Amino acid sequence: MKKFMVVLLVLSLTLSMVACGNKETSQDNDNQQNSNGNVDSSGDKEKDKIIEIDFWTMSLSPTFDDYINGMIEAFEAEHSSIKVKWTDVPWGNMETKILTAVAGGSAPDVVNLNPQFAAKLATAGSLINPEAYMSEQEKDAYFKFIYESNAYQGNIFALPWYITNSITIYNTDLYEQAGADVFTSYDDLIQVARKIKEETGKYAYFPSFDGTHLLETIASKGIPLVKDGKAAFNTDDMKEMIELYTTLYKEKLIPTEILTGGHQKAREMYMSGDVATLISGPTMLGPIKNDAPAIYDITDVEEAPTSAVGHHNAAIMNIAIPEQKDDTKYEAAAKFALFVTNAENQLAFCKVAGTILPATKASLEDSYFKNDDQTIEGKAKMIAASQLENSKALIPPMEKLSDLNDIMVDEVQKAMIGNQSSDDAINNALEGWNKVLEKVEHPIDF
């Protein structure tokens, strides 16, 4: 079943991309055979053997070459019997390459995955649970909710490497002209949006519908999405949320571009001064500074809008160990995965990158994350860090998640533009979700 599900994922990609991936995989296998040919396997004691593990990352080279190579050298110095071969894969190629490699039985021993790729492999059963090679102390090193976000059917499928969560980035001039305070919850949004539109002609906010932003917003309001394998969002809170979006759209308090534009359009409209608020990660301050310096000069930051469930959504970049035909490298792979994600190395990576957060509790105790409010970047980093303890992935990995997301976006947007009532939107979404959930082998409550 695991192999079948992975093959289905691969077949969903274009044949040309798969062919390319297969060619690369074949070359990788040849390289591994050549490397293994240099290892003396004539019966030496196990401790004298050299184990070579393949480590793939996503779009970290050349920017972080010194950091990654230095980390590998430090690991090899501590583990003389393990050698690490690093390959950096461009972001746009990773999904094809990893799915093809897994299906072909030539996956890397350790791989850096974003939440979407990790979820696909986890639901296909293609990632091992690293806890078999971890102590309780090592498990406890990570923030609880972040660590548990990497679980599928109760099994951990990856270790969290670095985190981004959202903060509120806002245009101080537009808020001052409107005489409004920055909205701290979505319940305040309509009143703030009306003030800003009346006084400035601009928009308070651009709600994004790409990715899983809508589902994350629903979950943040404490609205259940799935319970006991069935759609569970037939609630008064869900109706209120749809009516909130409908009112914002009907009164022209949000741009019409929200129907197709997504987060990229939200960024553009914030940088052009047409939108007063951007809910995004601290990393967004860099593009604003470079591409819209006048807007950057009047930008400030606050904590992200409060969540009814007490959690901030987090995007978690992971280190995973793919399932292999030969399990003899799992222990070495786990040692390296734990080394990459330990508190010392996560802190060092945060300092080098400058815009990411650690998943390890001890890293956050460093002065780097404290008393740094002299710049907007420092202030943003402190705010984002203060949210870490209660950050988690609000939308868990689950089969058919993209189908469920598409249904929800479609039905909510139909209500927004007046093509159906909020009740019809909920009922149609319920029907669509339940049809999809019937095909999900292991639905998850969330």
Protein backbone atom coordinates (compact mmCIF):
# COMPACT_ATOMS: atom_id res chain seq x y z
CA MET A 1 0.00 0.00 0.00
CA LYS A 2 2.84 2.42 0.88
CA LYS A 3 4.59 1.82 -2.42
CA PHE A 4 1.31 2.12 -4.33
CA MET A 5 0.53 5.50 -2.75
CA VAL A 6 3.98 6.87 -3.53
CA VAL A 7 3.73 5.69 -7.13
CA LEU A 8 0.40 7.48 -7.45
CA LEU A 9 2.05 10.69 -6.28
CA VAL A 10 4.79 10.30 -8.83
CA LEU A 11 2.35 9.60 -11.66
CA SER A 12 0.61 12.88 -10.91
CA LEU A 13 3.71 14.71 -12.11
CA THR A 14 4.51 15.21 -15.79
CA LEU A 15 6.21 12.34 -17.61
CA SER A 16 9.06 14.53 -18.70
CA MET A 17 9.85 15.57 -15.14
CA VAL A 18 9.75 11.97 -13.94
CA ALA A 19 12.02 10.88 -16.76
CA CYS A 20 14.50 13.54 -15.74
CA GLY A 21 14.23 12.45 -12.14
CA ASN A 22 14.81 8.82 -13.12
CA LYS A 23 17.93 9.77 -15.04
CA GLU A 24 19.28 11.66 -12.04
CA THR A 25 18.38 8.79 -9.73
CA SER A 26 20.21 6.33 -11.97
CA GLN A 27 23.28 8.55 -11.89
CA ASP A 28 23.04 8.82 -8.12
CA ASN A 29 22.87 5.03 -7.86
CA ASP A 30 25.97 4.69 -10.05
CA ASN A 31 27.80 7.17 -7.85
CA GLN A 32 26.78 5.28 -4.71
CA GLN A 33 27.98 2.00 -6.21
CA ASN A 34 31.32 3.56 -7.11
CA SER A 35 31.66 4.96 -3.60
CA ASN A 36 30.71 1.65 -2.03
CA GLY A 37 33.27 -0.04 -4.23
CA ASN A 38 36.00 1.82 -2.36
CA VAL A 39 34.83 0.53 1.02
CA ASP A 40 36.59 -2.55 2.33
CA SER A 41 33.81 -5.07 2.92
CA SER A 42 36.11 -8.06 3.28
CA GLY A 43 35.04 -8.82 6.79
CA ASP A 44 36.52 -5.97 8.83
CA LYS A 45 34.95 -5.30 12.18
CA GLU A 46 31.81 -3.15 12.05
CA LYS A 47 33.52 -0.25 13.80
CA ASP A 48 36.11 -0.04 10.99
CA LYS A 49 33.52 0.30 8.23
CA ILE A 50 32.68 3.68 6.76
CA ILE A 51 28.98 4.39 6.37
CA GLU A 52 28.16 7.02 3.76
CA ILE A 53 24.81 8.78 4.08
CA ASP A 54 23.21 11.04 1.49
CA PHE A 55 21.83 14.37 2.74
CA TRP A 56 19.56 16.51 0.56
CA THR A 57 18.58 20.10 1.26
CA MET A 58 16.35 22.58 -0.56
CA SER A 59 17.84 25.71 -2.14
CA LEU A 60 20.42 26.36 0.58
CA SER A 61 23.46 26.47 -1.70
CA PRO A 62 25.48 28.62 -2.27
CA THR A 63 24.15 31.02 0.38
CA PHE A 64 24.68 28.62 3.26
CA ASP A 65 27.59 26.54 1.93
CA ASP A 66 29.92 27.54 4.76
CA TYR A 67 27.36 26.74 7.43
CA ILE A 68 26.29 23.36 6.00
CA ASN A 69 29.83 22.22 5.17
CA GLY A 70 31.06 23.31 8.60
CA MET A 71 28.26 21.41 10.29
CA ILE A 72 29.04 18.27 8.28
CA GLU A 73 32.74 18.54 9.15
CA ALA A 74 31.89 18.86 12.85
CA PHE A 75 29.61 15.83 12.68
CA GLU A 76 32.19 13.70 10.89
CA ALA A 77 34.80 14.70 13.46
CA GLU A 78 32.54 13.31 16.19
CA HIS A 79 31.53 10.22 14.18
CA SER A 80 34.60 8.98 12.32
CA SER A 81 32.76 5.99 10.86
CA ILE A 82 30.10 8.12 9.14
CA LYS A 83 30.61 10.26 6.04
CA VAL A 84 27.98 12.67 4.75
CA LYS A 85 27.45 13.41 1.06
CA TRP A 86 25.52 16.67 0.67
CA THR A 87 23.34 17.48 -2.33
CA ASP A 88 21.37 20.72 -2.60
CA VAL A 89 18.24 20.46 -4.74
CA PRO A 90 16.52 23.56 -6.19
CA TRP A 91 13.18 24.22 -4.53
CA GLY A 92 11.20 23.73 -7.74
CA ASN A 93 12.80 20.34 -8.40
CA MET A 94 12.57 18.80 -4.94
CA GLU A 95 9.06 17.33 -5.12
CA THR A 96 9.75 15.53 -8.39
CA LYS A 97 13.19 14.36 -7.29
CA ILE A 98 12.23 13.07 -3.84
CA LEU A 99 9.02 11.33 -4.96
CA THR A 100 10.83 9.69 -7.86
CA ALA A 101 13.71 8.62 -5.62
CA VAL A 102 11.36 7.17 -3.00
CA ALA A 103 9.36 5.27 -5.61
CA GLY A 104 12.56 3.98 -7.20
CA GLY A 105 14.10 2.81 -3.94
CA SER A 106 16.96 5.32 -4.08
CA ALA A 107 15.87 7.98 -1.59
CA PRO A 108 18.47 9.97 0.36
CA ASP A 109 19.17 8.83 3.90
CA VAL A 110 18.34 12.27 5.33
CA VAL A 111 16.34 14.98 3.59
CA ASN A 112 15.23 18.56 4.25
CA LEU A 113 11.51 18.88 3.43
CA ASN A 114 8.97 21.65 3.62
CA PRO A 115 5.60 20.92 5.30
CA GLN A 116 3.81 20.07 2.04
CA PHE A 117 6.40 17.57 0.79
CA ALA A 118 6.81 16.02 4.24
CA ALA A 119 3.04 15.58 4.55
CA LYS A 120 2.81 13.81 1.18
CA LEU A 121 5.51 11.33 2.11
CA ALA A 122 4.20 10.87 5.64
CA THR A 123 0.68 10.03 4.48
CA ALA A 124 2.19 7.55 2.01
CA GLY A 125 4.10 5.89 4.86
CA SER A 126 7.47 6.69 3.29
CA LEU A 127 9.21 8.34 6.27
CA ILE A 128 10.43 6.41 9.31
CA ASN A 129 9.73 7.40 12.89
CA PRO A 130 13.04 8.74 14.28
CA GLU A 131 11.92 8.23 17.89
CA ALA A 132 13.26 4.66 17.79
CA TYR A 133 16.73 6.25 17.87
CA MET A 134 16.01 9.07 20.34
CA SER A 135 16.23 9.45 24.09
CA GLU A 136 13.48 11.15 26.08
CA GLN A 137 15.83 14.08 26.64
CA GLU A 138 16.32 14.47 22.89
CA LYS A 139 12.56 14.41 22.30
CA ASP A 140 12.04 17.04 24.99
CA ALA A 141 14.57 19.40 23.40
CA TYR A 142 12.00 20.65 20.88
CA PHE A 143 8.99 22.87 21.51
CA LYS A 144 6.14 20.49 22.29
CA PHE A 145 3.52 21.73 19.83
CA ILE A 146 6.02 22.13 17.00
CA TYR A 147 7.44 18.65 17.56
CA GLU A 148 3.97 17.10 17.70
CA SER A 149 2.97 18.89 14.49
CA ASN A 150 5.20 16.39 12.69
CA ALA A 151 2.99 13.45 13.59
CA TYR A 152 0.75 11.30 11.42
CA GLN A 153 -1.43 8.60 12.96
CA GLY A 154 0.45 9.10 16.21
CA ASN A 155 3.90 8.56 14.68
CA ILE A 156 6.54 11.28 14.38
CA PHE A 157 7.69 11.49 10.76
CA ALA A 158 10.34 14.23 10.92
CA LEU A 159 12.39 16.44 13.22
CA PRO A 160 11.75 20.21 13.09
CA TRP A 161 14.77 22.13 11.81
CA TYR A 162 13.69 25.75 11.58
CA ILE A 163 10.46 27.68 11.88
CA THR A 164 8.71 30.71 10.52
CA ASN A 165 5.53 32.10 12.04
CA SER A 166 3.51 35.16 11.20
CA ILE A 167 3.49 38.61 12.72
CA THR A 168 1.47 41.72 11.87
CA ILE A 169 3.31 44.12 9.55
CA TYR A 170 1.51 47.43 9.15
CA ASN A 171 1.64 50.87 7.55
CA THR A 172 1.75 53.39 10.40
CA ASP A 173 0.75 56.33 8.19
CA LEU A 174 -2.49 54.72 7.01
CA TYR A 175 -3.48 53.74 10.53
CA GLU A 176 -2.69 57.22 11.86
CA GLN A 177 -4.67 58.91 9.08
CA ALA A 178 -7.65 56.69 9.86
CA GLY A 179 -7.34 57.17 13.62
CA ALA A 180 -7.51 53.40 14.02
CA ASP A 181 -5.63 50.86 16.08
CA VAL A 182 -4.14 47.81 14.42
CA PHE A 183 -6.68 45.00 14.53
CA THR A 184 -5.68 42.31 17.02
CA SER A 185 -8.34 39.77 16.07
CA TYR A 186 -10.43 39.10 13.00
CA ASP A 187 -13.50 40.15 15.00
CA ASP A 188 -12.14 43.72 14.95
CA LEU A 189 -11.38 43.71 11.25
CA ILE A 190 -14.62 45.13 9.84
CA GLN A 191 -14.59 48.27 12.00
CA VAL A 192 -10.90 48.90 11.30
CA ALA A 193 -11.40 48.28 7.57
CA ARG A 194 -14.29 50.75 7.43
CA LYS A 195 -12.25 53.47 9.13
CA ILE A 196 -9.27 53.03 6.86
CA LYS A 197 -11.40 52.95 3.70
CA GLU A 198 -13.40 56.04 4.72
CA GLU A 199 -10.36 58.12 5.73
CA THR A 200 -7.73 57.00 3.22
CA GLY A 201 -9.48 55.14 0.40
CA LYS A 202 -7.13 52.22 1.03
CA TYR A 203 -7.69 48.68 2.24
CA ALA A 204 -6.99 47.48 5.76
CA TYR A 205 -6.17 43.92 4.80
CA PHE A 206 -5.82 41.43 1.95
CA PRO A 207 -6.98 37.95 3.06
CA SER A 208 -5.13 35.31 1.04
CA PHE A 209 -6.87 32.26 -0.39
CA ASP A 210 -3.86 30.47 -1.84
CA GLY A 211 -2.14 27.60 -0.06
CA THR A 212 -4.07 26.59 3.05
CA HIS A 213 -4.50 30.14 4.36
CA LEU A 214 -8.30 29.88 4.53
CA LEU A 215 -8.22 26.57 6.42
CA GLU A 216 -5.63 28.01 8.81
CA THR A 217 -7.89 31.01 9.47
CA ILE A 218 -10.86 28.73 10.13
CA ALA A 219 -8.82 26.56 12.48
CA SER A 220 -7.45 29.61 14.30
CA LYS A 221 -11.03 30.58 15.18
CA GLY A 222 -11.51 27.27 16.93
CA ILE A 223 -13.87 25.91 14.29
CA PRO A 224 -13.56 22.10 13.98
CA LEU A 225 -12.99 20.92 10.43
CA VAL A 226 -13.03 17.12 10.75
CA LYS A 227 -14.38 14.95 13.56
CA ASP A 228 -14.67 11.16 13.53
CA GLY A 229 -13.92 11.09 9.83
CA LYS A 230 -16.70 13.54 8.90
CA ALA A 231 -16.77 17.25 8.07
CA ALA A 232 -17.55 19.11 11.29
CA PHE A 233 -17.68 22.83 10.45
CA ASN A 234 -21.48 23.22 10.45
CA THR A 235 -21.32 25.74 13.31
CA ASP A 236 -22.48 29.28 14.08
CA ASP A 237 -18.84 30.41 14.18
CA MET A 238 -18.30 29.14 10.65
CA LYS A 239 -21.37 31.00 9.43
CA GLU A 240 -20.16 34.18 11.12
CA MET A 241 -16.76 33.85 9.49
CA ILE A 242 -18.22 33.43 6.00
CA GLU A 243 -20.51 36.41 6.61
CA LEU A 244 -17.49 38.44 7.75
CA TYR A 245 -15.73 37.75 4.46
CA THR A 246 -18.95 38.45 2.54
CA THR A 247 -19.44 41.82 4.27
CA LEU A 248 -15.82 42.81 3.63
CA TYR A 249 -16.20 41.99 -0.05
CA LYS A 250 -19.69 43.49 -0.49
CA GLU A 251 -18.66 46.79 1.12
CA LYS A 252 -15.47 46.84 -0.98
CA LEU A 253 -13.33 46.81 2.16
CA ILE A 254 -10.97 44.24 0.64
CA PRO A 255 -9.54 44.20 -2.90
CA THR A 256 -11.32 42.21 -5.59
CA GLU A 257 -7.90 40.69 -6.38
CA ILE A 258 -8.26 38.41 -3.36
CA LEU A 259 -10.21 35.95 -5.52
CA THR A 260 -7.15 35.11 -7.59
CA GLY A 261 -4.16 37.05 -6.31
CA GLY A 262 -2.96 35.16 -3.26
CA HIS A 263 -0.20 36.12 -0.84
CA GLN A 264 2.08 37.43 -3.59
CA LYS A 265 -0.54 40.00 -4.57
CA ALA A 266 -1.01 40.92 -0.91
CA ARG A 267 2.73 41.64 -0.70
CA GLU A 268 2.62 43.79 -3.83
CA MET A 269 -0.35 45.83 -2.62
CA TYR A 270 1.24 46.39 0.78
CA MET A 271 4.46 47.58 -0.85
CA SER A 272 2.51 49.91 -3.14
CA GLY A 273 0.78 51.48 -0.13
CA ASP A 274 -2.69 50.24 -1.09
CA VAL A 275 -3.05 47.77 1.80
CA ALA A 276 -2.40 48.77 5.40
CA THR A 277 -1.72 45.37 6.96
CA LEU A 278 0.21 42.28 5.99
CA ILE A 279 0.13 39.10 8.08
CA SER A 280 3.41 37.43 7.20
CA GLY A 281 6.73 36.26 8.55
CA PRO A 282 9.57 38.59 9.61
CA THR A 283 11.37 37.55 6.42
CA MET A 284 8.97 39.82 4.51
CA LEU A 285 10.70 42.90 5.91
CA GLY A 286 13.67 42.27 3.61
CA PRO A 287 11.72 42.54 0.34
CA ILE A 288 9.81 45.55 1.67
CA LYS A 289 13.07 47.31 2.53
CA ASN A 290 14.66 46.49 -0.83
CA ASP A 291 11.68 46.98 -3.14
CA ALA A 292 9.63 49.65 -1.33
CA PRO A 293 11.96 51.68 0.90
CA ALA A 294 9.42 54.48 1.37
CA ILE A 295 6.88 51.98 2.73
CA TYR A 296 9.57 50.32 4.84
CA ASP A 297 10.25 53.67 6.54
CA ILE A 298 6.64 53.86 7.76
CA THR A 299 6.29 50.17 8.62
CA ASP A 300 6.01 48.78 12.14
CA VAL A 301 5.27 45.32 13.55
CA GLU A 302 3.02 43.76 16.19
CA GLU A 303 2.03 40.28 17.32
CA ALA A 304 -0.15 38.34 14.88
CA PRO A 305 -3.94 38.45 15.45
CA THR A 306 -4.96 36.36 18.42
CA SER A 307 -6.24 32.85 17.89
CA ALA A 308 -9.29 31.40 19.61
CA VAL A 309 -7.39 28.13 20.06
CA GLY A 310 -4.39 29.81 21.69
CA HIS A 311 -1.93 28.80 18.97
CA HIS A 312 -0.12 30.68 16.25
CA ASN A 313 0.28 28.90 12.95
CA ALA A 314 3.83 27.86 12.11
CA ALA A 315 5.52 26.77 8.89
CA ILE A 316 7.91 24.01 9.93
CA MET A 317 10.90 23.04 7.81
CA ASN A 318 11.88 19.49 8.61
CA ILE A 319 14.65 16.92 8.58
CA ALA A 320 13.27 13.49 7.69
CA ILE A 321 14.60 9.96 7.20
CA PRO A 322 13.01 8.24 4.19
CA GLU A 323 12.16 4.56 4.35
CA GLN A 324 14.78 2.35 2.68
CA LYS A 325 14.92 -1.26 1.48
CA ASP A 326 18.13 -1.61 3.48
CA ASP A 327 17.64 -0.38 7.04
CA THR A 328 21.29 -0.63 8.09
CA LYS A 329 21.86 3.13 7.74
CA TYR A 330 18.90 4.26 9.86
CA GLU A 331 20.94 4.64 13.04
CA ALA A 332 23.63 6.72 11.30
CA ALA A 333 20.95 8.79 9.56
CA ALA A 334 19.21 9.44 12.88
CA LYS A 335 22.46 10.52 14.52
CA PHE A 336 23.00 13.05 11.75
CA ALA A 337 19.37 14.25 11.78
CA LEU A 338 19.61 14.83 15.54
CA PHE A 339 22.92 16.65 15.10
CA VAL A 340 21.53 18.96 12.41
CA THR A 341 18.52 19.82 14.58
CA ASN A 342 20.22 20.10 17.98
CA ALA A 343 19.96 23.38 19.89
CA GLU A 344 23.51 24.52 19.15
CA ASN A 345 23.24 24.04 15.40
CA GLN A 346 19.73 25.49 15.17
CA LEU A 347 20.90 28.62 16.99
CA ALA A 348 23.90 28.94 14.69
CA PHE A 349 21.67 28.58 11.63
CA CYS A 350 19.28 31.25 12.93
CA LYS A 351 22.17 33.67 13.37
CA VAL A 352 23.53 32.99 9.89
CA ALA A 353 20.13 33.20 8.17
CA GLY A 354 18.88 36.11 10.28
CA THR A 355 15.19 35.54 9.53
CA ILE A 356 14.31 32.10 10.88
CA LEU A 357 13.43 30.71 14.30
CA PRO A 358 14.61 27.59 16.12
CA ALA A 359 12.47 24.59 17.03
CA THR A 360 14.60 23.87 20.10
CA LYS A 361 13.84 25.41 23.49
CA ALA A 362 17.45 25.93 24.56
CA SER A 363 18.23 27.97 21.44
CA LEU A 364 15.66 30.58 22.44
CA GLU A 365 17.51 31.29 25.69
CA ASP A 366 20.36 32.92 23.79
CA SER A 367 20.68 36.71 23.96
CA TYR A 368 20.26 36.79 20.18
CA PHE A 369 16.49 36.53 20.70
CA LYS A 370 16.33 39.06 23.53
CA ASN A 371 16.69 42.84 23.92
CA ASP A 372 16.97 43.53 20.20
CA ASP A 373 14.27 46.14 19.60
CA GLN A 374 16.49 48.90 18.19
CA THR A 375 15.58 47.94 14.63
CA ILE A 376 12.29 46.81 13.13
CA GLU A 377 13.94 43.51 12.16
CA GLY A 378 15.07 42.97 15.75
CA LYS A 379 11.62 43.83 17.05
CA ALA A 380 10.00 41.44 14.57
CA LYS A 381 12.39 38.67 15.58
CA MET A 382 11.57 39.16 19.26
CA ILE A 383 7.81 39.11 18.60
CA ALA A 384 8.02 35.99 16.45
CA ALA A 385 10.24 34.27 19.02
CA SER A 386 7.81 35.12 21.82
CA GLN A 387 5.08 33.25 19.90
CA LEU A 388 7.13 30.06 19.47
CA GLU A 389 6.04 28.20 22.58
CA ASN A 390 2.42 28.28 21.39
CA SER A 391 3.11 27.86 17.67
CA LYS A 392 2.09 24.75 15.76
CA ALA A 393 0.94 23.62 12.34
CA LEU A 394 -2.79 24.32 12.57
CA ILE A 395 -3.51 22.12 9.55
CA PRO A 396 -2.07 18.61 9.98
CA PRO A 397 -0.85 16.36 7.16
CA MET A 398 -3.69 14.33 5.72
CA GLU A 399 -4.53 12.52 2.50
CA LYS A 400 -6.62 14.54 0.03
CA LEU A 401 -5.94 17.79 1.90
CA SER A 402 -5.54 19.77 -1.32
CA ASP A 403 -8.94 18.53 -2.52
CA LEU A 404 -10.58 19.55 0.75
CA ASN A 405 -8.91 22.94 0.59
CA ASP A 406 -10.07 23.59 -2.98
CA ILE A 407 -13.68 22.79 -2.06
CA MET A 408 -13.63 25.15 0.92
CA VAL A 409 -12.11 28.04 -1.03
CA ASP A 410 -14.59 27.60 -3.87
CA GLU A 411 -17.68 27.55 -1.65
CA VAL A 412 -16.60 30.46 0.57
CA GLN A 413 -15.75 32.61 -2.44
CA LYS A 414 -19.12 31.87 -4.05
CA ALA A 415 -20.79 33.22 -0.92
CA MET A 416 -18.53 36.27 -0.84
CA ILE A 417 -19.45 37.38 -4.35
CA GLY A 418 -23.17 36.81 -3.71
CA ASN A 419 -23.71 33.61 -5.68
CA GLN A 420 -24.97 31.71 -2.64
CA SER A 421 -25.82 32.19 1.02
CA SER A 422 -23.47 31.36 3.88
CA ASP A 423 -25.74 28.41 4.77
CA ASP A 424 -25.50 27.07 1.22
CA ALA A 425 -21.73 27.52 1.29
CA ILE A 426 -21.48 25.45 4.45
CA ASN A 427 -23.84 22.74 3.23
CA ASN A 428 -22.14 22.44 -0.15
CA ALA A 429 -18.72 22.33 1.49
CA LEU A 430 -19.92 19.69 3.95
CA GLU A 431 -21.21 17.53 1.11
CA GLY A 432 -18.01 17.92 -0.89
CA TRP A 433 -15.76 17.24 2.08
CA ASN A 434 -17.65 14.12 3.13
CA LYS A 435 -17.36 12.67 -0.38
CA VAL A 436 -13.60 13.22 -0.27
CA LEU A 437 -13.25 11.96 3.30
CA GLU A 438 -14.93 8.68 2.34
CA LYS A 439 -11.85 8.02 0.18
CA VAL A 440 -9.36 8.86 2.95
CA GLU A 441 -8.01 5.76 4.62
CA HIS A 442 -6.95 7.54 7.81
CA PRO A 443 -8.82 10.85 8.31
CA ILE A 444 -7.51 13.06 11.09
CA ASP A 445 -9.59 15.16 13.46
CA PHE A 446 -8.62 18.83 13.41
